[in-house]
Amino acid sequence: MDRIPKDPVMLLSFVNLKLRDYYDSLEKLCEDLDVSEAEILERLRSIEYHYDRERNQFV
């Protein structure tokens, strides 16, 4: 998880940018960056965001 921001708000911005510009799913982003999907989901849940598959972003 050293490749992504630790702060949840910065992580939200980072992940949504990557999803918008480079990846068509959270799974592909996590696989490519070698990060835990569960960890991202947990961190962003802590600031009340969840992954919307249809929009391919955290809302």
N, C-alpha and C. Protein backbone atom coordinates (compact mmCIF):
# COMPACT_ATOMS: atom_id res chain seq x y z
N MET A 1 0.82 -1.19 0.00
CA MET A 1 0.00 0.00 0.00
C MET A 1 0.86 1.26 0.00
N ASP A 2 2.14 1.13 -0.19
CA ASP A 2 3.02 2.29 -0.22
C ASP A 2 2.85 3.11 -1.49
N ARG A 3 2.18 2.55 -2.48
CA ARG A 3 2.05 3.23 -3.78
C ARG A 3 0.86 4.17 -3.84
N ILE A 4 0.04 4.21 -2.78
CA ILE A 4 -1.15 5.06 -2.79
C ILE A 4 -1.15 5.94 -1.54
N PRO A 5 -1.88 7.05 -1.58
CA PRO A 5 -1.93 7.95 -0.42
C PRO A 5 -2.50 7.26 0.83
N LYS A 6 -1.97 7.61 1.97
CA LYS A 6 -2.46 7.05 3.24
C LYS A 6 -3.71 7.79 3.72
N ASP A 7 -3.73 9.10 3.53
CA ASP A 7 -4.87 9.91 3.96
C ASP A 7 -6.11 9.56 3.13
N PRO A 8 -7.24 9.25 3.78
CA PRO A 8 -8.44 8.83 3.05
C PRO A 8 -8.95 9.85 2.02
N VAL A 9 -8.88 11.14 2.33
CA VAL A 9 -9.36 12.15 1.39
C VAL A 9 -8.45 12.22 0.16
N MET A 10 -7.16 12.16 0.39
CA MET A 10 -6.22 12.14 -0.74
C MET A 10 -6.37 10.84 -1.54
N LEU A 11 -6.61 9.75 -0.85
CA LEU A 11 -6.84 8.46 -1.51
C LEU A 11 -8.07 8.54 -2.41
N LEU A 12 -9.13 9.15 -1.92
CA LEU A 12 -10.35 9.31 -2.71
C LEU A 12 -10.06 10.04 -4.02
N SER A 13 -9.37 11.14 -3.93
CA SER A 13 -9.02 11.91 -5.12
C SER A 13 -8.14 11.09 -6.07
N PHE A 14 -7.14 10.45 -5.53
CA PHE A 14 -6.21 9.63 -6.32
C PHE A 14 -6.94 8.51 -7.05
N VAL A 15 -7.75 7.76 -6.31
CA VAL A 15 -8.43 6.60 -6.89
C VAL A 15 -9.45 7.03 -7.94
N ASN A 16 -10.24 8.05 -7.64
CA ASN A 16 -11.23 8.49 -8.62
C ASN A 16 -10.58 9.02 -9.89
N LEU A 17 -9.47 9.71 -9.76
CA LEU A 17 -8.74 10.16 -10.94
C LEU A 17 -8.26 8.97 -11.77
N LYS A 18 -7.66 8.00 -11.11
CA LYS A 18 -7.17 6.81 -11.82
C LYS A 18 -8.31 6.06 -12.50
N LEU A 19 -9.44 5.92 -11.79
CA LEU A 19 -10.59 5.22 -12.36
C LEU A 19 -11.14 5.99 -13.56
N ARG A 20 -11.19 7.28 -13.47
CA ARG A 20 -11.72 8.09 -14.56
C ARG A 20 -10.81 8.06 -15.79
N ASP A 21 -9.51 8.16 -15.56
CA ASP A 21 -8.58 8.35 -16.68
C ASP A 21 -7.88 7.08 -17.19
N TYR A 22 -7.78 6.05 -16.35
CA TYR A 22 -6.93 4.91 -16.74
C TYR A 22 -7.55 3.52 -16.60
N TYR A 23 -8.53 3.35 -15.72
CA TYR A 23 -9.02 1.99 -15.44
C TYR A 23 -10.53 1.92 -15.57
N ASP A 24 -11.02 0.80 -16.09
CA ASP A 24 -12.46 0.65 -16.22
C ASP A 24 -13.08 -0.13 -15.06
N SER A 25 -12.27 -0.44 -14.03
CA SER A 25 -12.82 -1.08 -12.83
C SER A 25 -11.84 -0.93 -11.66
N LEU A 26 -12.38 -0.99 -10.48
CA LEU A 26 -11.56 -0.94 -9.28
C LEU A 26 -10.64 -2.16 -9.22
N GLU A 27 -11.14 -3.29 -9.65
CA GLU A 27 -10.35 -4.52 -9.63
C GLU A 27 -9.08 -4.38 -10.48
N LYS A 28 -9.23 -3.81 -11.67
CA LYS A 28 -8.07 -3.64 -12.55
C LYS A 28 -7.07 -2.65 -11.97
N LEU A 29 -7.57 -1.58 -11.37
CA LEU A 29 -6.68 -0.61 -10.72
C LEU A 29 -5.87 -1.29 -9.63
N CYS A 30 -6.54 -2.03 -8.77
CA CYS A 30 -5.86 -2.71 -7.65
C CYS A 30 -4.85 -3.74 -8.15
N GLU A 31 -5.22 -4.48 -9.15
CA GLU A 31 -4.32 -5.48 -9.71
C GLU A 31 -3.06 -4.82 -10.29
N ASP A 32 -3.27 -3.77 -11.06
CA ASP A 32 -2.15 -3.09 -11.71
C ASP A 32 -1.22 -2.41 -10.70
N LEU A 33 -1.79 -1.79 -9.67
CA LEU A 33 -0.99 -1.10 -8.66
C LEU A 33 -0.53 -2.03 -7.53
N ASP A 34 -0.98 -3.28 -7.58
CA ASP A 34 -0.64 -4.27 -6.56
C ASP A 34 -1.02 -3.78 -5.16
N VAL A 35 -2.29 -3.36 -5.04
CA VAL A 35 -2.82 -2.90 -3.76
C VAL A 35 -4.06 -3.71 -3.41
N SER A 36 -4.40 -3.72 -2.15
CA SER A 36 -5.54 -4.48 -1.66
C SER A 36 -6.84 -3.72 -1.89
N GLU A 37 -7.74 -4.34 -2.62
CA GLU A 37 -9.06 -3.73 -2.84
C GLU A 37 -9.79 -3.56 -1.52
N ALA A 38 -9.69 -4.54 -0.65
CA ALA A 38 -10.36 -4.46 0.65
C ALA A 38 -9.85 -3.28 1.48
N GLU A 39 -8.56 -3.03 1.41
CA GLU A 39 -7.97 -1.90 2.14
C GLU A 39 -8.50 -0.58 1.60
N ILE A 40 -8.56 -0.43 0.30
CA ILE A 40 -9.10 0.79 -0.29
C ILE A 40 -10.56 0.98 0.11
N LEU A 41 -11.34 -0.08 -0.03
CA LEU A 41 -12.75 0.00 0.34
C LEU A 41 -12.92 0.39 1.81
N GLU A 42 -12.13 -0.20 2.68
CA GLU A 42 -12.21 0.10 4.11
C GLU A 42 -11.84 1.55 4.40
N ARG A 43 -10.74 2.01 3.83
CA ARG A 43 -10.30 3.40 4.06
C ARG A 43 -11.33 4.40 3.59
N LEU A 44 -11.90 4.16 2.41
CA LEU A 44 -12.86 5.11 1.88
C LEU A 44 -14.23 4.99 2.57
N ARG A 45 -14.53 3.84 3.07
CA ARG A 45 -15.75 3.67 3.86
C ARG A 45 -15.65 4.50 5.15
N SER A 46 -14.43 4.67 5.65
CA SER A 46 -14.23 5.44 6.88
C SER A 46 -14.59 6.91 6.71
N ILE A 47 -14.62 7.40 5.46
CA ILE A 47 -15.07 8.77 5.20
C ILE A 47 -16.40 8.76 4.43
N GLU A 48 -17.10 7.63 4.55
CA GLU A 48 -18.46 7.45 4.04
C GLU A 48 -18.57 7.50 2.51
N TYR A 49 -17.59 6.92 1.84
CA TYR A 49 -17.65 6.76 0.39
C TYR A 49 -17.71 5.28 0.06
N HIS A 50 -18.43 4.95 -0.98
CA HIS A 50 -18.50 3.57 -1.45
C HIS A 50 -18.30 3.54 -2.96
N TYR A 51 -17.88 2.40 -3.45
CA TYR A 51 -17.61 2.24 -4.88
C TYR A 51 -18.91 1.97 -5.63
N ASP A 52 -19.17 2.77 -6.63
CA ASP A 52 -20.32 2.59 -7.51
C ASP A 52 -19.80 2.00 -8.82
N ARG A 53 -20.09 0.73 -9.05
CA ARG A 53 -19.58 0.03 -10.24
C ARG A 53 -20.09 0.66 -11.54
N GLU A 54 -21.35 1.07 -11.56
CA GLU A 54 -21.91 1.65 -12.78
C GLU A 54 -21.19 2.95 -13.16
N ARG A 55 -20.88 3.75 -12.19
CA ARG A 55 -20.20 5.03 -12.45
C ARG A 55 -18.68 4.87 -12.45
N ASN A 56 -18.20 3.74 -11.95
CA ASN A 56 -16.78 3.46 -11.83
C ASN A 56 -16.07 4.57 -11.05
N GLN A 57 -16.65 4.89 -9.90
CA GLN A 57 -16.05 5.88 -9.02
C GLN A 57 -16.58 5.72 -7.61
N PHE A 58 -15.87 6.34 -6.69
CA PHE A 58 -16.34 6.36 -5.31
C PHE A 58 -17.24 7.56 -5.13
N VAL A 59 -18.40 7.33 -4.55
CA VAL A 59 -19.38 8.39 -4.33
C VAL A 59 -19.83 8.41 -2.88
